[in-house]
Amino acid sequence: MANGDAGVVESIGMAQGFIVACGSYAQVKAAMDAKYKDAYQSIVLDKAQTLIPGMFEPHVHTVFSGMMASWIDISPFEGQDLRKVYTKKWIADTLSAAHEASSDVVLLATGLDPALIQPQSGKTFRRLTTCSWIT
């Protein structure tokens, strides 16, 4: 994105981790020559290639990921794999153990997925409350 515009440009000039120019090839070459004469490499893509720089806004997921890093993980995943056991009892035990180990009044958790709680049935989607899970 250049100035909030996600349009297509013919050429992009990048230096020191920043996009420093974009527009026509002639415009970008002039800008790069003015600041970085003989200190940059010109790469021309063929018609089948597209350049999508990874230097755009970080997106809001990074904010939430950082914020939730210390929360208790009660998701059905261990890394990229599904947990072998993902039951209401496992979730309750995980939350209870975290509650006992913490002096915090508020317990924060992330990742609950009622669709994958075992055994899978219509009963899984009943309202879940902390009162019925932690004693």
N, C-alpha and C. Protein backbone atom coordinates (compact mmCIF):
# COMPACT_ATOMS: atom_id res chain seq x y z
N MET A 1 0.85 -1.18 0.00
CA MET A 1 0.00 0.00 0.00
C MET A 1 0.89 1.24 0.00
N ALA A 2 0.57 2.13 -0.86
CA ALA A 2 1.29 3.40 -0.90
C ALA A 2 0.29 4.50 -0.60
N ASN A 3 0.48 5.15 0.52
CA ASN A 3 -0.43 6.22 0.94
C ASN A 3 -1.88 5.74 1.01
N GLY A 4 -2.08 4.54 1.49
CA GLY A 4 -3.42 3.99 1.64
C GLY A 4 -4.01 3.40 0.37
N ASP A 5 -3.27 3.43 -0.73
CA ASP A 5 -3.76 2.91 -2.01
C ASP A 5 -3.16 1.53 -2.26
N ALA A 6 -4.00 0.56 -2.52
CA ALA A 6 -3.52 -0.80 -2.77
C ALA A 6 -3.45 -1.10 -4.26
N GLY A 7 -3.31 -0.07 -5.07
CA GLY A 7 -3.27 -0.23 -6.52
C GLY A 7 -1.99 -0.89 -7.00
N VAL A 8 -1.99 -1.24 -8.28
CA VAL A 8 -0.85 -1.87 -8.92
C VAL A 8 0.06 -0.79 -9.48
N VAL A 9 1.36 -0.96 -9.29
CA VAL A 9 2.34 -0.03 -9.86
C VAL A 9 3.31 -0.82 -10.73
N GLU A 10 3.94 -0.13 -11.63
CA GLU A 10 4.90 -0.77 -12.53
C GLU A 10 6.20 -1.13 -11.82
N SER A 11 6.61 -0.29 -10.88
CA SER A 11 7.91 -0.46 -10.28
C SER A 11 7.90 -0.02 -8.82
N ILE A 12 8.75 -0.70 -8.01
CA ILE A 12 8.87 -0.36 -6.59
C ILE A 12 10.36 -0.27 -6.27
N GLY A 13 10.74 0.79 -5.57
CA GLY A 13 12.12 0.93 -5.12
C GLY A 13 12.18 0.72 -3.61
N MET A 14 13.02 -0.21 -3.17
CA MET A 14 13.13 -0.51 -1.74
C MET A 14 14.58 -0.35 -1.30
N ALA A 15 14.75 0.22 -0.11
CA ALA A 15 16.08 0.37 0.46
C ALA A 15 16.00 0.39 1.98
N GLN A 16 16.90 -0.31 2.63
CA GLN A 16 17.02 -0.32 4.08
C GLN A 16 15.70 -0.67 4.78
N GLY A 17 14.97 -1.61 4.19
CA GLY A 17 13.73 -2.09 4.79
C GLY A 17 12.51 -1.24 4.54
N PHE A 18 12.59 -0.25 3.67
CA PHE A 18 11.46 0.63 3.40
C PHE A 18 11.21 0.73 1.91
N ILE A 19 9.95 0.95 1.54
CA ILE A 19 9.62 1.30 0.16
C ILE A 19 9.90 2.79 0.05
N VAL A 20 10.83 3.16 -0.82
CA VAL A 20 11.23 4.57 -0.94
C VAL A 20 10.68 5.23 -2.19
N ALA A 21 10.18 4.43 -3.13
CA ALA A 21 9.60 4.99 -4.35
C ALA A 21 8.71 3.96 -5.01
N CYS A 22 7.65 4.41 -5.66
CA CYS A 22 6.83 3.53 -6.47
C CYS A 22 6.17 4.34 -7.57
N GLY A 23 5.88 3.69 -8.64
CA GLY A 23 5.31 4.35 -9.81
C GLY A 23 5.83 3.71 -11.07
N SER A 24 6.11 4.53 -12.09
CA SER A 24 6.67 3.99 -13.33
C SER A 24 8.12 3.61 -13.10
N TYR A 25 8.65 2.79 -14.01
CA TYR A 25 10.05 2.39 -13.88
C TYR A 25 10.96 3.62 -13.93
N ALA A 26 10.67 4.55 -14.82
CA ALA A 26 11.50 5.76 -14.95
C ALA A 26 11.48 6.58 -13.66
N GLN A 27 10.31 6.72 -13.03
CA GLN A 27 10.21 7.47 -11.77
C GLN A 27 11.01 6.80 -10.65
N VAL A 28 10.87 5.50 -10.54
CA VAL A 28 11.55 4.77 -9.47
C VAL A 28 13.05 4.77 -9.70
N LYS A 29 13.47 4.57 -10.95
CA LYS A 29 14.91 4.58 -11.26
C LYS A 29 15.51 5.95 -10.93
N ALA A 30 14.81 7.02 -11.27
CA ALA A 30 15.31 8.37 -10.96
C ALA A 30 15.42 8.57 -9.45
N ALA A 31 14.43 8.13 -8.71
CA ALA A 31 14.45 8.28 -7.24
C ALA A 31 15.57 7.45 -6.62
N MET A 32 15.75 6.24 -7.10
CA MET A 32 16.81 5.38 -6.56
C MET A 32 18.19 5.92 -6.93
N ASP A 33 18.34 6.40 -8.16
CA ASP A 33 19.63 6.98 -8.57
C ASP A 33 19.96 8.22 -7.74
N ALA A 34 18.94 9.00 -7.40
CA ALA A 34 19.18 10.23 -6.63
C ALA A 34 19.68 9.92 -5.23
N LYS A 35 19.22 8.83 -4.62
CA LYS A 35 19.60 8.53 -3.23
C LYS A 35 20.60 7.39 -3.11
N TYR A 36 20.58 6.45 -4.02
CA TYR A 36 21.36 5.22 -3.86
C TYR A 36 22.15 4.86 -5.13
N LYS A 37 22.64 5.85 -5.87
CA LYS A 37 23.35 5.64 -7.13
C LYS A 37 24.40 4.54 -6.99
N ASP A 38 24.32 3.54 -7.87
CA ASP A 38 25.25 2.41 -7.92
C ASP A 38 25.26 1.56 -6.64
N ALA A 39 24.29 1.72 -5.77
CA ALA A 39 24.25 0.95 -4.53
C ALA A 39 22.98 0.09 -4.43
N TYR A 40 22.32 -0.14 -5.54
CA TYR A 40 21.12 -0.97 -5.52
C TYR A 40 21.14 -1.90 -6.72
N GLN A 41 20.32 -2.95 -6.62
CA GLN A 41 20.21 -3.94 -7.69
C GLN A 41 18.86 -3.79 -8.35
N SER A 42 18.82 -3.84 -9.65
CA SER A 42 17.57 -3.76 -10.39
C SER A 42 17.15 -5.17 -10.80
N ILE A 43 15.95 -5.57 -10.40
CA ILE A 43 15.43 -6.89 -10.75
C ILE A 43 14.15 -6.68 -11.54
N VAL A 44 14.13 -7.22 -12.76
CA VAL A 44 12.96 -7.08 -13.63
C VAL A 44 12.21 -8.41 -13.64
N LEU A 45 10.93 -8.36 -13.28
CA LEU A 45 10.11 -9.57 -13.27
C LEU A 45 9.53 -9.82 -14.66
N ASP A 46 9.28 -11.10 -14.96
CA ASP A 46 8.60 -11.36 -16.23
C ASP A 46 7.09 -11.26 -16.02
N LYS A 47 6.34 -11.36 -17.09
CA LYS A 47 4.88 -11.14 -17.03
C LYS A 47 4.15 -12.12 -16.12
N ALA A 48 4.74 -13.28 -15.86
CA ALA A 48 4.08 -14.29 -15.02
C ALA A 48 4.36 -14.08 -13.53
N GLN A 49 5.18 -13.11 -13.18
CA GLN A 49 5.56 -12.90 -11.78
C GLN A 49 4.86 -11.67 -11.21
N THR A 50 4.66 -11.70 -9.89
CA THR A 50 4.08 -10.58 -9.16
C THR A 50 4.89 -10.36 -7.90
N LEU A 51 5.17 -9.13 -7.57
CA LEU A 51 5.87 -8.80 -6.34
C LEU A 51 4.86 -8.28 -5.33
N ILE A 52 4.81 -8.92 -4.18
CA ILE A 52 3.96 -8.45 -3.09
C ILE A 52 4.87 -8.25 -1.90
N PRO A 53 5.34 -7.02 -1.66
CA PRO A 53 6.26 -6.79 -0.54
C PRO A 53 5.63 -7.15 0.79
N GLY A 54 6.42 -7.66 1.69
CA GLY A 54 5.95 -8.02 3.02
C GLY A 54 6.05 -6.85 3.98
N MET A 55 6.08 -5.66 3.47
CA MET A 55 6.28 -4.48 4.32
C MET A 55 4.99 -3.65 4.39
N PHE A 56 3.89 -4.29 4.70
CA PHE A 56 2.65 -3.56 4.85
C PHE A 56 2.21 -3.59 6.29
N GLU A 57 1.14 -2.90 6.61
CA GLU A 57 0.71 -2.79 8.00
C GLU A 57 0.66 -4.16 8.67
N PRO A 58 1.04 -4.22 9.94
CA PRO A 58 1.22 -5.49 10.61
C PRO A 58 -0.05 -6.27 10.89
N HIS A 59 -1.20 -5.68 10.70
CA HIS A 59 -2.49 -6.32 10.94
C HIS A 59 -2.71 -6.48 12.45
N VAL A 60 -3.94 -6.56 12.85
CA VAL A 60 -4.24 -6.56 14.28
C VAL A 60 -3.99 -7.88 14.98
N HIS A 61 -3.78 -8.96 14.23
CA HIS A 61 -3.54 -10.25 14.89
C HIS A 61 -2.31 -10.21 15.78
N THR A 62 -1.29 -9.46 15.38
CA THR A 62 -0.08 -9.41 16.20
C THR A 62 -0.35 -8.80 17.56
N VAL A 63 -1.25 -7.83 17.61
CA VAL A 63 -1.60 -7.21 18.89
C VAL A 63 -2.25 -8.24 19.80
N PHE A 64 -3.24 -8.94 19.29
CA PHE A 64 -3.96 -9.93 20.11
C PHE A 64 -3.08 -11.12 20.45
N SER A 65 -2.23 -11.56 19.52
CA SER A 65 -1.33 -12.68 19.80
C SER A 65 -0.40 -12.34 20.95
N GLY A 66 0.16 -11.15 20.93
CA GLY A 66 1.05 -10.73 22.02
C GLY A 66 0.31 -10.60 23.33
N MET A 67 -0.90 -10.07 23.26
CA MET A 67 -1.69 -9.87 24.47
C MET A 67 -2.09 -11.22 25.08
N MET A 68 -2.40 -12.21 24.25
CA MET A 68 -2.90 -13.48 24.75
C MET A 68 -1.80 -14.52 24.99
N ALA A 69 -0.55 -14.13 24.80
CA ALA A 69 0.56 -15.08 24.97
C ALA A 69 0.61 -15.68 26.36
N SER A 70 0.18 -14.93 27.37
CA SER A 70 0.22 -15.43 28.74
C SER A 70 -1.10 -16.08 29.18
N TRP A 71 -2.09 -16.11 28.31
CA TRP A 71 -3.37 -16.72 28.66
C TRP A 71 -3.25 -18.24 28.63
N ILE A 72 -4.15 -18.92 29.29
CA ILE A 72 -4.15 -20.38 29.33
C ILE A 72 -4.70 -20.90 28.00
N ASP A 73 -3.97 -21.81 27.39
CA ASP A 73 -4.38 -22.37 26.10
C ASP A 73 -5.32 -23.54 26.34
N ILE A 74 -6.58 -23.36 25.98
CA ILE A 74 -7.55 -24.46 26.09
C ILE A 74 -8.07 -24.82 24.70
N SER A 75 -7.21 -24.67 23.72
CA SER A 75 -7.60 -25.00 22.35
C SER A 75 -7.46 -26.50 22.11
N PRO A 76 -8.09 -26.98 21.05
CA PRO A 76 -8.00 -28.40 20.74
C PRO A 76 -6.70 -28.79 20.02
N PHE A 77 -5.75 -27.85 19.93
CA PHE A 77 -4.53 -28.11 19.17
C PHE A 77 -3.29 -28.16 20.05
N GLU A 78 -2.39 -29.05 19.71
CA GLU A 78 -1.04 -29.10 20.25
C GLU A 78 -0.14 -28.84 19.06
N GLY A 79 0.34 -27.61 18.94
CA GLY A 79 1.08 -27.23 17.74
C GLY A 79 0.13 -27.25 16.56
N GLN A 80 0.44 -28.06 15.55
CA GLN A 80 -0.39 -28.17 14.35
C GLN A 80 -1.36 -29.35 14.42
N ASP A 81 -1.26 -30.16 15.47
CA ASP A 81 -2.06 -31.38 15.56
C ASP A 81 -3.21 -31.24 16.55
N LEU A 82 -4.29 -31.98 16.28
CA LEU A 82 -5.40 -32.02 17.24
C LEU A 82 -4.98 -32.82 18.46
N ARG A 83 -5.41 -32.36 19.63
CA ARG A 83 -5.15 -33.10 20.87
C ARG A 83 -5.84 -34.46 20.80
N LYS A 84 -5.19 -35.46 21.36
CA LYS A 84 -5.82 -36.79 21.39
C LYS A 84 -7.04 -36.77 22.30
N VAL A 85 -6.96 -35.98 23.38
CA VAL A 85 -8.07 -35.86 24.31
C VAL A 85 -8.45 -34.39 24.40
N TYR A 86 -9.67 -34.07 23.97
CA TYR A 86 -10.19 -32.70 24.09
C TYR A 86 -11.63 -32.80 24.57
N THR A 87 -11.78 -32.96 25.89
CA THR A 87 -13.08 -33.15 26.51
C THR A 87 -13.36 -31.99 27.45
N LYS A 88 -14.61 -31.91 27.90
CA LYS A 88 -14.95 -30.89 28.90
C LYS A 88 -14.12 -31.11 30.16
N LYS A 89 -13.87 -32.36 30.52
CA LYS A 89 -13.08 -32.66 31.71
C LYS A 89 -11.65 -32.16 31.53
N TRP A 90 -11.04 -32.39 30.35
CA TRP A 90 -9.68 -31.90 30.11
C TRP A 90 -9.62 -30.38 30.22
N ILE A 91 -10.61 -29.71 29.66
CA ILE A 91 -10.66 -28.24 29.71
C ILE A 91 -10.81 -27.77 31.16
N ALA A 92 -11.73 -28.40 31.88
CA ALA A 92 -11.95 -28.03 33.29
C ALA A 92 -10.70 -28.29 34.13
N ASP A 93 -10.05 -29.43 33.90
CA ASP A 93 -8.83 -29.74 34.65
C ASP A 93 -7.73 -28.73 34.34
N THR A 94 -7.59 -28.35 33.08
CA THR A 94 -6.56 -27.38 32.68
C THR A 94 -6.82 -26.03 33.32
N LEU A 95 -8.07 -25.60 33.32
CA LEU A 95 -8.42 -24.32 33.95
C LEU A 95 -8.27 -24.38 35.46
N SER A 96 -8.66 -25.49 36.05
CA SER A 96 -8.54 -25.65 37.52
C SER A 96 -7.07 -25.61 37.95
N ALA A 97 -6.21 -26.30 37.20
CA ALA A 97 -4.78 -26.32 37.53
C ALA A 97 -4.19 -24.91 37.41
N ALA A 98 -4.59 -24.19 36.39
CA ALA A 98 -4.10 -22.81 36.22
C ALA A 98 -4.63 -21.92 37.34
N HIS A 99 -5.86 -22.13 37.74
CA HIS A 99 -6.46 -21.34 38.81
C HIS A 99 -5.74 -21.60 40.14
N GLU A 100 -5.43 -22.85 40.42
CA GLU A 100 -4.72 -23.20 41.66
C GLU A 100 -3.30 -22.65 41.68
N ALA A 101 -2.66 -22.60 40.50
CA ALA A 101 -1.27 -22.16 40.42
C ALA A 101 -1.13 -20.64 40.39
N SER A 102 -2.25 -19.94 40.22
CA SER A 102 -2.18 -18.49 40.06
C SER A 102 -2.86 -17.79 41.22
N SER A 103 -2.29 -16.69 41.62
CA SER A 103 -2.92 -15.89 42.66
C SER A 103 -3.82 -14.82 42.05
N ASP A 104 -3.88 -14.77 40.73
CA ASP A 104 -4.72 -13.78 40.06
C ASP A 104 -6.20 -14.05 40.33
N VAL A 105 -6.95 -12.98 40.44
CA VAL A 105 -8.38 -13.12 40.64
C VAL A 105 -9.07 -13.49 39.33
N VAL A 106 -8.55 -12.96 38.23
CA VAL A 106 -9.15 -13.21 36.92
C VAL A 106 -8.30 -14.23 36.18
N LEU A 107 -8.94 -15.25 35.65
CA LEU A 107 -8.27 -16.28 34.88
C LEU A 107 -8.61 -16.05 33.41
N LEU A 108 -7.59 -15.88 32.58
CA LEU A 108 -7.80 -15.63 31.15
C LEU A 108 -7.36 -16.83 30.34
N ALA A 109 -8.22 -17.26 29.42
CA ALA A 109 -7.92 -18.41 28.59
C ALA A 109 -8.31 -18.10 27.15
N THR A 110 -7.75 -18.86 26.24
CA THR A 110 -8.04 -18.66 24.82
C THR A 110 -8.11 -20.00 24.10
N GLY A 111 -8.85 -20.04 23.02
CA GLY A 111 -8.84 -21.19 22.14
C GLY A 111 -9.98 -22.18 22.29
N LEU A 112 -10.92 -21.96 23.18
CA LEU A 112 -12.02 -22.90 23.36
C LEU A 112 -12.74 -23.12 22.03
N ASP A 113 -12.93 -24.38 21.65
CA ASP A 113 -13.63 -24.70 20.41
C ASP A 113 -14.68 -25.78 20.68
N PRO A 114 -15.91 -25.37 20.98
CA PRO A 114 -16.96 -26.34 21.30
C PRO A 114 -17.22 -27.35 20.19
N ALA A 115 -16.93 -26.99 18.95
CA ALA A 115 -17.19 -27.91 17.83
C ALA A 115 -16.28 -29.13 17.87
N LEU A 116 -15.15 -29.04 18.57
CA LEU A 116 -14.21 -30.16 18.61
C LEU A 116 -14.15 -30.88 19.95
N ILE A 117 -15.00 -30.46 20.88
CA ILE A 117 -15.03 -31.15 22.19
C ILE A 117 -15.57 -32.56 21.99
N GLN A 118 -14.89 -33.53 22.59
CA GLN A 118 -15.29 -34.94 22.48
C GLN A 118 -16.17 -35.33 23.65
N PRO A 119 -17.12 -36.18 23.55
CA PRO A 119 -17.61 -36.71 22.28
C PRO A 119 -18.40 -35.63 21.54
N GLN A 120 -18.35 -35.70 20.24
CA GLN A 120 -19.02 -34.68 19.44
C GLN A 120 -20.49 -35.03 19.30
N SER A 121 -21.32 -34.09 19.76
CA SER A 121 -22.76 -34.28 19.68
C SER A 121 -23.43 -32.93 19.82
N GLY A 122 -24.73 -32.90 19.63
CA GLY A 122 -25.48 -31.65 19.79
C GLY A 122 -25.37 -31.09 21.19
N LYS A 123 -25.11 -31.96 22.19
CA LYS A 123 -24.99 -31.52 23.57
C LYS A 123 -23.76 -30.65 23.78
N THR A 124 -22.77 -30.80 22.91
CA THR A 124 -21.54 -30.02 23.03
C THR A 124 -21.83 -28.53 22.94
N PHE A 125 -22.86 -28.16 22.23
CA PHE A 125 -23.13 -26.75 21.98
C PHE A 125 -24.02 -26.10 23.03
N ARG A 126 -24.30 -26.81 24.11
CA ARG A 126 -25.03 -26.18 25.21
C ARG A 126 -24.18 -25.07 25.79
N ARG A 127 -24.82 -24.17 26.46
CA ARG A 127 -24.11 -23.04 27.07
C ARG A 127 -23.05 -23.54 28.05
N LEU A 128 -21.84 -23.02 27.88
CA LEU A 128 -20.74 -23.40 28.76
C LEU A 128 -20.52 -22.27 29.76
N THR A 129 -20.43 -22.63 31.03
CA THR A 129 -20.22 -21.58 32.05
C THR A 129 -19.09 -22.01 32.96
N THR A 130 -18.39 -21.05 33.52
CA THR A 130 -17.30 -21.36 34.44
C THR A 130 -17.85 -22.03 35.69
N CYS A 131 -19.08 -21.71 36.07
CA CYS A 131 -19.66 -22.29 37.28
C CYS A 131 -19.77 -23.79 37.16
N SER A 132 -20.10 -24.27 35.98
CA SER A 132 -20.28 -25.72 35.82
C SER A 132 -18.96 -26.42 35.51
N TRP A 133 -17.90 -25.68 35.26
CA TRP A 133 -16.63 -26.29 34.89
C TRP A 133 -15.62 -26.31 36.01
N ILE A 134 -15.54 -25.24 36.79
CA ILE A 134 -14.54 -25.17 37.85
C ILE A 134 -15.25 -25.21 39.18
N THR A 135 -14.85 -26.12 40.03
CA THR A 135 -15.50 -26.21 41.34
C THR A 135 -14.56 -25.79 42.43
